[in-house]
Amino acid sequence: MSASSASRGNLNRVVRCAVGQPRSFWHAMHSALRADDYALQRELLVLKQAAGLPEAVSVLRVCDVVVWMRHHTDHQDVGCTWD
């Protein structure tokens, strides 16, 4: 496994712990990105631009990283049932 694959696996565990496993994750994410006249999507684009990320980085990837950054300390402190 490459270093980036291992890193992505850790990201997935932390994000899965934070959001759980909603019955229809992609429908929930789609709804969240469109809610309030696309407010979340716009905010993620602002964060992407502020970080100077390339066009190839998707809004979903930015969302992954934001959720991971917000939750990783709690994830380590309390353990996670999704590991």
PDB file of N, CA and C in Angstrom:
ATOM      1  N   MET A   1       0.855  -1.186   0.000  1.00  0.00           N
ATOM      2  CA  MET A   1       0.000   0.000   0.000  1.00  0.00           C
ATOM      3  C   MET A   1       0.892   1.236   0.000  1.00  0.00           C
ATOM      4  N   SER A   2       0.613   2.177  -0.855  1.00  0.00           N
ATOM      5  CA  SER A   2       1.406   3.402  -0.927  1.00  0.00           C
ATOM      6  C   SER A   2       1.106   4.294   0.278  1.00  0.00           C
ATOM      7  N   ALA A   3       1.995   5.251   0.509  1.00  0.00           N
ATOM      8  CA  ALA A   3       1.786   6.190   1.621  1.00  0.00           C
ATOM      9  C   ALA A   3       0.495   6.973   1.434  1.00  0.00           C
ATOM     10  N   SER A   4       0.200   7.356   0.185  1.00  0.00           N
ATOM     11  CA  SER A   4      -1.032   8.113  -0.045  1.00  0.00           C
ATOM     12  C   SER A   4      -2.261   7.246   0.177  1.00  0.00           C
ATOM     13  N   SER A   5      -2.185   5.956  -0.164  1.00  0.00           N
ATOM     14  CA  SER A   5      -3.313   5.048   0.086  1.00  0.00           C
ATOM     15  C   SER A   5      -3.537   4.869   1.574  1.00  0.00           C
ATOM     16  N   ALA A   6      -2.455   4.714   2.323  1.00  0.00           N
ATOM     17  CA  ALA A   6      -2.579   4.568   3.775  1.00  0.00           C
ATOM     18  C   ALA A   6      -3.157   5.833   4.385  1.00  0.00           C
ATOM     19  N   SER A   7      -2.684   6.979   3.923  1.00  0.00           N
ATOM     20  CA  SER A   7      -3.198   8.254   4.422  1.00  0.00           C
ATOM     21  C   SER A   7      -4.682   8.402   4.107  1.00  0.00           C
ATOM     22  N   ARG A   8      -5.085   8.031   2.902  1.00  0.00           N
ATOM     23  CA  ARG A   8      -6.493   8.118   2.496  1.00  0.00           C
ATOM     24  C   ARG A   8      -7.348   7.181   3.341  1.00  0.00           C
ATOM     25  N   GLY A   9      -6.819   5.988   3.687  1.00  0.00           N
ATOM     26  CA  GLY A   9      -7.551   5.058   4.545  1.00  0.00           C
ATOM     27  C   GLY A   9      -7.821   5.652   5.911  1.00  0.00           C
ATOM     28  N   ASN A  10      -6.827   6.339   6.482  1.00  0.00           N
ATOM     29  CA  ASN A  10      -7.004   6.996   7.772  1.00  0.00           C
ATOM     30  C   ASN A  10      -8.036   8.110   7.660  1.00  0.00           C
ATOM     31  N   LEU A  11      -7.983   8.872   6.587  1.00  0.00           N
ATOM     32  CA  LEU A  11      -8.974   9.930   6.355  1.00  0.00           C
ATOM     33  C   LEU A  11     -10.370   9.333   6.290  1.00  0.00           C
ATOM     34  N   ASN A  12     -10.523   8.244   5.550  1.00  0.00           N
ATOM     35  CA  ASN A  12     -11.833   7.604   5.422  1.00  0.00           C
ATOM     36  C   ASN A  12     -12.378   7.162   6.770  1.00  0.00           C
ATOM     37  N   ARG A  13     -11.544   6.573   7.633  1.00  0.00           N
ATOM     38  CA  ARG A  13     -12.007   6.122   8.949  1.00  0.00           C
ATOM     39  C   ARG A  13     -12.495   7.288   9.799  1.00  0.00           C
ATOM     40  N   VAL A  14     -11.749   8.377   9.801  1.00  0.00           N
ATOM     41  CA  VAL A  14     -12.123   9.535  10.613  1.00  0.00           C
ATOM     42  C   VAL A  14     -13.405  10.169  10.084  1.00  0.00           C
ATOM     43  N   VAL A  15     -13.514  10.339   8.778  1.00  0.00           N
ATOM     44  CA  VAL A  15     -14.719  10.931   8.187  1.00  0.00           C
ATOM     45  C   VAL A  15     -15.917  10.024   8.415  1.00  0.00           C
ATOM     46  N   ARG A  16     -15.741   8.720   8.250  1.00  0.00           N
ATOM     47  CA  ARG A  16     -16.840   7.771   8.479  1.00  0.00           C
ATOM     48  C   ARG A  16     -17.298   7.842   9.935  1.00  0.00           C
ATOM     49  N   CYS A  17     -16.355   7.993  10.865  1.00  0.00           N
ATOM     50  CA  CYS A  17     -16.697   8.134  12.279  1.00  0.00           C
ATOM     51  C   CYS A  17     -17.519   9.408  12.496  1.00  0.00           C
ATOM     52  N   ALA A  18     -17.121  10.496  11.845  1.00  0.00           N
ATOM     53  CA  ALA A  18     -17.803  11.784  12.035  1.00  0.00           C
ATOM     54  C   ALA A  18     -19.208  11.788  11.456  1.00  0.00           C
ATOM     55  N   VAL A  19     -19.388  11.202  10.284  1.00  0.00           N
ATOM     56  CA  VAL A  19     -20.698  11.276   9.622  1.00  0.00           C
ATOM     57  C   VAL A  19     -21.522  10.012   9.778  1.00  0.00           C
ATOM     58  N   GLY A  20     -20.912   8.954  10.300  1.00  0.00           N
ATOM     59  CA  GLY A  20     -21.629   7.690  10.422  1.00  0.00           C
ATOM     60  C   GLY A  20     -21.851   7.077   9.049  1.00  0.00           C
ATOM     61  N   GLN A  21     -22.833   6.248   8.952  1.00  0.00           N
ATOM     62  CA  GLN A  21     -23.158   5.625   7.676  1.00  0.00           C
ATOM     63  C   GLN A  21     -24.635   5.836   7.398  1.00  0.00           C
ATOM     64  N   PRO A  22     -24.975   7.063   6.957  1.00  0.00           N
ATOM     65  CA  PRO A  22     -26.382   7.306   6.650  1.00  0.00           C
ATOM     66  C   PRO A  22     -26.874   6.310   5.607  1.00  0.00           C
ATOM     67  N   ARG A  23     -28.126   5.997   5.659  1.00  0.00           N
ATOM     68  CA  ARG A  23     -28.719   5.016   4.745  1.00  0.00           C
ATOM     69  C   ARG A  23     -28.381   5.331   3.292  1.00  0.00           C
ATOM     70  N   SER A  24     -28.415   6.588   2.938  1.00  0.00           N
ATOM     71  CA  SER A  24     -28.097   6.990   1.569  1.00  0.00           C
ATOM     72  C   SER A  24     -27.143   8.182   1.625  1.00  0.00           C
ATOM     73  N   PHE A  25     -25.870   7.894   1.855  1.00  0.00           N
ATOM     74  CA  PHE A  25     -24.869   8.942   2.049  1.00  0.00           C
ATOM     75  C   PHE A  25     -24.834   9.925   0.885  1.00  0.00           C
ATOM     76  N   TRP A  26     -24.799   9.427  -0.343  1.00  0.00           N
ATOM     77  CA  TRP A  26     -24.655  10.317  -1.495  1.00  0.00           C
ATOM     78  C   TRP A  26     -25.886  11.197  -1.688  1.00  0.00           C
ATOM     79  N   HIS A  27     -27.065  10.674  -1.395  1.00  0.00           N
ATOM     80  CA  HIS A  27     -28.263  11.516  -1.472  1.00  0.00           C
ATOM     81  C   HIS A  27     -28.218  12.596  -0.392  1.00  0.00           C
ATOM     82  N   ALA A  28     -27.767  12.217   0.803  1.00  0.00           N
ATOM     83  CA  ALA A  28     -27.654  13.185   1.895  1.00  0.00           C
ATOM     84  C   ALA A  28     -26.623  14.264   1.551  1.00  0.00           C
ATOM     85  N   MET A  29     -25.482  13.851   0.983  1.00  0.00           N
ATOM     86  CA  MET A  29     -24.444  14.814   0.605  1.00  0.00           C
ATOM     87  C   MET A  29     -24.946  15.732  -0.510  1.00  0.00           C
ATOM     88  N   HIS A  30     -25.613  15.169  -1.479  1.00  0.00           N
ATOM     89  CA  HIS A  30     -26.173  15.959  -2.583  1.00  0.00           C
ATOM     90  C   HIS A  30     -27.142  17.009  -2.038  1.00  0.00           C
ATOM     91  N   SER A  31     -28.008  16.593  -1.132  1.00  0.00           N
ATOM     92  CA  SER A  31     -28.968  17.526  -0.529  1.00  0.00           C
ATOM     93  C   SER A  31     -28.257  18.612   0.265  1.00  0.00           C
ATOM     94  N   ALA A  32     -27.231  18.222   1.034  1.00  0.00           N
ATOM     95  CA  ALA A  32     -26.497  19.198   1.844  1.00  0.00           C
ATOM     96  C   ALA A  32     -25.801  20.233   0.966  1.00  0.00           C
ATOM     97  N   LEU A  33     -25.225  19.790  -0.140  1.00  0.00           N
ATOM     98  CA  LEU A  33     -24.524  20.714  -1.031  1.00  0.00           C
ATOM     99  C   LEU A  33     -25.484  21.670  -1.738  1.00  0.00           C
ATOM    100  N   ARG A  34     -26.731  21.265  -1.924  1.00  0.00           N
ATOM    101  CA  ARG A  34     -27.718  22.096  -2.627  1.00  0.00           C
ATOM    102  C   ARG A  34     -28.560  22.960  -1.683  1.00  0.00           C
ATOM    103  N   ALA A  35     -28.592  22.609  -0.403  1.00  0.00           N
ATOM    104  CA  ALA A  35     -29.455  23.308   0.562  1.00  0.00           C
ATOM    105  C   ALA A  35     -29.092  24.789   0.658  1.00  0.00           C
ATOM    106  N   ASP A  36     -30.075  25.571   1.042  1.00  0.00           N
ATOM    107  CA  ASP A  36     -29.875  27.016   1.266  1.00  0.00           C
ATOM    108  C   ASP A  36     -29.178  27.678   0.081  1.00  0.00           C
ATOM    109  N   ASP A  37     -29.693  27.387  -1.106  1.00  0.00           N
ATOM    110  CA  ASP A  37     -29.149  27.979  -2.333  1.00  0.00           C
ATOM    111  C   ASP A  37     -27.646  27.685  -2.482  1.00  0.00           C
ATOM    112  N   TYR A  38     -27.270  26.426  -2.225  1.00  0.00           N
ATOM    113  CA  TYR A  38     -25.895  25.939  -2.408  1.00  0.00           C
ATOM    114  C   TYR A  38     -24.900  26.565  -1.427  1.00  0.00           C
ATOM    115  N   ALA A  39     -25.337  26.923  -0.230  1.00  0.00           N
ATOM    116  CA  ALA A  39     -24.468  27.608   0.738  1.00  0.00           C
ATOM    117  C   ALA A  39     -23.228  26.782   1.089  1.00  0.00           C
ATOM    118  N   LEU A  40     -23.392  25.493   1.374  1.00  0.00           N
ATOM    119  CA  LEU A  40     -22.242  24.655   1.730  1.00  0.00           C
ATOM    120  C   LEU A  40     -21.275  24.544   0.558  1.00  0.00           C
ATOM    121  N   GLN A  41     -21.788  24.321  -0.619  1.00  0.00           N
ATOM    122  CA  GLN A  41     -20.924  24.211  -1.793  1.00  0.00           C
ATOM    123  C   GLN A  41     -20.133  25.508  -2.009  1.00  0.00           C
ATOM    124  N   ARG A  42     -20.801  26.636  -1.856  1.00  0.00           N
ATOM    125  CA  ARG A  42     -20.111  27.924  -2.018  1.00  0.00           C
ATOM    126  C   ARG A  42     -19.019  28.099  -0.966  1.00  0.00           C
ATOM    127  N   GLU A  43     -19.314  27.730   0.280  1.00  0.00           N
ATOM    128  CA  GLU A  43     -18.320  27.865   1.352  1.00  0.00           C
ATOM    129  C   GLU A  43     -17.119  26.953   1.103  1.00  0.00           C
ATOM    130  N   LEU A  44     -17.374  25.746   0.634  1.00  0.00           N
ATOM    131  CA  LEU A  44     -16.270  24.838   0.321  1.00  0.00           C
ATOM    132  C   LEU A  44     -15.421  25.377  -0.825  1.00  0.00           C
ATOM    133  N   LEU A  45     -16.050  25.999  -1.817  1.00  0.00           N
ATOM    134  CA  LEU A  45     -15.294  26.617  -2.914  1.00  0.00           C
ATOM    135  C   LEU A  45     -14.443  27.785  -2.412  1.00  0.00           C
ATOM    136  N   VAL A  46     -14.975  28.559  -1.472  1.00  0.00           N
ATOM    137  CA  VAL A  46     -14.208  29.660  -0.877  1.00  0.00           C
ATOM    138  C   VAL A  46     -12.984  29.103  -0.156  1.00  0.00           C
ATOM    139  N   LEU A  47     -13.170  28.035   0.620  1.00  0.00           N
ATOM    140  CA  LEU A  47     -12.046  27.411   1.322  1.00  0.00           C
ATOM    141  C   LEU A  47     -11.013  26.871   0.340  1.00  0.00           C
ATOM    142  N   LYS A  48     -11.483  26.251  -0.718  1.00  0.00           N
ATOM    143  CA  LYS A  48     -10.586  25.710  -1.749  1.00  0.00           C
ATOM    144  C   LYS A  48      -9.742  26.822  -2.360  1.00  0.00           C
ATOM    145  N   GLN A  49     -10.382  27.927  -2.709  1.00  0.00           N
ATOM    146  CA  GLN A  49      -9.658  29.057  -3.304  1.00  0.00           C
ATOM    147  C   GLN A  49      -8.686  29.678  -2.305  1.00  0.00           C
ATOM    148  N   ALA A  50      -9.111  29.820  -1.050  1.00  0.00           N
ATOM    149  CA  ALA A  50      -8.248  30.403  -0.021  1.00  0.00           C
ATOM    150  C   ALA A  50      -7.006  29.547   0.217  1.00  0.00           C
ATOM    151  N   ALA A  51      -7.155  28.234   0.058  1.00  0.00           N
ATOM    152  CA  ALA A  51      -6.028  27.322   0.245  1.00  0.00           C
ATOM    153  C   ALA A  51      -5.148  27.235  -1.000  1.00  0.00           C
ATOM    154  N   GLY A  52      -5.590  27.846  -2.092  1.00  0.00           N
ATOM    155  CA  GLY A  52      -4.813  27.814  -3.322  1.00  0.00           C
ATOM    156  C   GLY A  52      -4.754  26.441  -3.966  1.00  0.00           C
ATOM    157  N   LEU A  53      -5.823  25.669  -3.790  1.00  0.00           N
ATOM    158  CA  LEU A  53      -5.846  24.315  -4.348  1.00  0.00           C
ATOM    159  C   LEU A  53      -6.107  24.344  -5.851  1.00  0.00           C
ATOM    160  N   PRO A  54      -5.549  23.376  -6.563  1.00  0.00           N
ATOM    161  CA  PRO A  54      -5.759  23.332  -8.016  1.00  0.00           C
ATOM    162  C   PRO A  54      -7.192  22.964  -8.378  1.00  0.00           C
ATOM    163  N   GLU A  55      -7.567  23.273  -9.596  1.00  0.00           N
ATOM    164  CA  GLU A  55      -8.908  22.994 -10.114  1.00  0.00           C
ATOM    165  C   GLU A  55      -9.270  21.517  -9.982  1.00  0.00           C
ATOM    166  N   ALA A  56      -8.273  20.642 -10.083  1.00  0.00           N
ATOM    167  CA  ALA A  56      -8.522  19.196 -10.042  1.00  0.00           C
ATOM    168  C   ALA A  56      -9.047  18.716  -8.689  1.00  0.00           C
ATOM    169  N   VAL A  57      -8.854  19.495  -7.632  1.00  0.00           N
ATOM    170  CA  VAL A  57      -9.341  19.108  -6.303  1.00  0.00           C
ATOM    171  C   VAL A  57     -10.835  19.401  -6.241  1.00  0.00           C
ATOM    172  N   SER A  58     -11.620  18.370  -5.958  1.00  0.00           N
ATOM    173  CA  SER A  58     -13.075  18.508  -5.962  1.00  0.00           C
ATOM    174  C   SER A  58     -13.603  19.107  -4.657  1.00  0.00           C
ATOM    175  N   VAL A  59     -14.817  19.604  -4.730  1.00  0.00           N
ATOM    176  CA  VAL A  59     -15.508  20.110  -3.546  1.00  0.00           C
ATOM    177  C   VAL A  59     -15.681  18.978  -2.530  1.00  0.00           C
ATOM    178  N   LEU A  60     -15.944  17.766  -3.002  1.00  0.00           N
ATOM    179  CA  LEU A  60     -16.092  16.629  -2.083  1.00  0.00           C
ATOM    180  C   LEU A  60     -14.792  16.344  -1.342  1.00  0.00           C
ATOM    181  N   ARG A  61     -13.659  16.475  -2.012  1.00  0.00           N
ATOM    182  CA  ARG A  61     -12.363  16.272  -1.356  1.00  0.00           C
ATOM    183  C   ARG A  61     -12.137  17.350  -0.310  1.00  0.00           C
ATOM    184  N   VAL A  62     -12.470  18.587  -0.624  1.00  0.00           N
ATOM    185  CA  VAL A  62     -12.347  19.674   0.351  1.00  0.00           C
ATOM    186  C   VAL A  62     -13.221  19.366   1.566  1.00  0.00           C
ATOM    187  N   CYS A  63     -14.427  18.897   1.330  1.00  0.00           N
ATOM    188  CA  CYS A  63     -15.337  18.534   2.416  1.00  0.00           C
ATOM    189  C   CYS A  63     -14.734  17.425   3.275  1.00  0.00           C
ATOM    190  N   ASP A  64     -14.166  16.389   2.639  1.00  0.00           N
ATOM    191  CA  ASP A  64     -13.492  15.306   3.370  1.00  0.00           C
ATOM    192  C   ASP A  64     -12.449  15.862   4.329  1.00  0.00           C
ATOM    193  N   VAL A  65     -11.602  16.742   3.812  1.00  0.00           N
ATOM    194  CA  VAL A  65     -10.502  17.277   4.609  1.00  0.00           C
ATOM    195  C   VAL A  65     -11.026  18.149   5.748  1.00  0.00           C
ATOM    196  N   VAL A  66     -12.029  18.962   5.486  1.00  0.00           N
ATOM    197  CA  VAL A  66     -12.612  19.811   6.535  1.00  0.00           C
ATOM    198  C   VAL A  66     -13.203  18.949   7.650  1.00  0.00           C
ATOM    199  N   VAL A  67     -13.961  17.928   7.288  1.00  0.00           N
ATOM    200  CA  VAL A  67     -14.556  17.035   8.298  1.00  0.00           C
ATOM    201  C   VAL A  67     -13.450  16.341   9.080  1.00  0.00           C
ATOM    202  N   TRP A  68     -12.422  15.857   8.384  1.00  0.00           N
ATOM    203  CA  TRP A  68     -11.311  15.181   9.059  1.00  0.00           C
ATOM    204  C   TRP A  68     -10.630  16.132  10.033  1.00  0.00           C
ATOM    205  N   MET A  69     -10.339  17.355   9.593  1.00  0.00           N
ATOM    206  CA  MET A  69      -9.644  18.304  10.461  1.00  0.00           C
ATOM    207  C   MET A  69     -10.471  18.637  11.699  1.00  0.00           C
ATOM    208  N   ARG A  70     -11.771  18.706  11.538  1.00  0.00           N
ATOM    209  CA  ARG A  70     -12.648  19.023  12.671  1.00  0.00           C
ATOM    210  C   ARG A  70     -12.780  17.851  13.638  1.00  0.00           C
ATOM    211  N   HIS A  71     -12.747  16.624  13.131  1.00  0.00           N
ATOM    212  CA  HIS A  71     -13.079  15.464  13.958  1.00  0.00           C
ATOM    213  C   HIS A  71     -11.880  14.622  14.408  1.00  0.00           C
ATOM    214  N   HIS A  72     -10.707  14.762  13.804  1.00  0.00           N
ATOM    215  CA  HIS A  72      -9.638  13.800  14.071  1.00  0.00           C
ATOM    216  C   HIS A  72      -9.192  13.745  15.526  1.00  0.00           C
ATOM    217  N   THR A  73      -9.185  14.862  16.241  1.00  0.00           N
ATOM    218  CA  THR A  73      -8.778  14.835  17.649  1.00  0.00           C
ATOM    219  C   THR A  73      -9.790  14.071  18.492  1.00  0.00           C
ATOM    220  N   ASP A  74     -11.074  14.342  18.303  1.00  0.00           N
ATOM    221  CA  ASP A  74     -12.114  13.596  19.018  1.00  0.00           C
ATOM    222  C   ASP A  74     -12.023  12.115  18.677  1.00  0.00           C
ATOM    223  N   HIS A  75     -11.773  11.817  17.426  1.00  0.00           N
ATOM    224  CA  HIS A  75     -11.663  10.437  16.953  1.00  0.00           C
ATOM    225  C   HIS A  75     -10.562   9.710  17.721  1.00  0.00           C
ATOM    226  N   GLN A  76      -9.423  10.366  17.907  1.00  0.00           N
ATOM    227  CA  GLN A  76      -8.302   9.760  18.625  1.00  0.00           C
ATOM    228  C   GLN A  76      -8.583   9.671  20.119  1.00  0.00           C
ATOM    229  N   ASP A  77      -9.229  10.693  20.683  1.00  0.00           N
ATOM    230  CA  ASP A  77      -9.458  10.745  22.125  1.00  0.00           C
ATOM    231  C   ASP A  77     -10.448   9.699  22.619  1.00  0.00           C
ATOM    232  N   VAL A  78     -11.513   9.477  21.873  1.00  0.00           N
ATOM    233  CA  VAL A  78     -12.568   8.586  22.358  1.00  0.00           C
ATOM    234  C   VAL A  78     -12.588   7.238  21.658  1.00  0.00           C
ATOM    235  N   GLY A  79     -11.772   7.069  20.668  1.00  0.00           N
ATOM    236  CA  GLY A  79     -11.826   5.834  19.889  1.00  0.00           C
ATOM    237  C   GLY A  79     -13.035   5.890  18.976  1.00  0.00           C
ATOM    238  N   CYS A  80     -13.045   5.007  18.025  1.00  0.00           N
ATOM    239  CA  CYS A  80     -14.100   5.077  17.029  1.00  0.00           C
ATOM    240  C   CYS A  80     -14.644   3.693  16.746  1.00  0.00           C
ATOM    241  N   THR A  81     -15.945   3.583  16.723  1.00  0.00           N
ATOM    242  CA  THR A  81     -16.572   2.295  16.452  1.00  0.00           C
ATOM    243  C   THR A  81     -16.470   1.903  14.992  1.00  0.00           C
ATOM    244  N   TRP A  82     -16.069   2.835  14.103  1.00  0.00           N
ATOM    245  CA  TRP A  82     -15.975   2.522  12.668  1.00  0.00           C
ATOM    246  C   TRP A  82     -14.618   1.970  12.283  1.00  0.00           C
ATOM    247  N   ASP A  83     -13.637   1.972  13.205  1.00  0.00           N
ATOM    248  CA  ASP A  83     -12.302   1.443  12.866  1.00  0.00           C
ATOM    249  C   ASP A  83     -12.346  -0.029  12.594  1.00  0.00           C
TER     250      ASP A  83
END
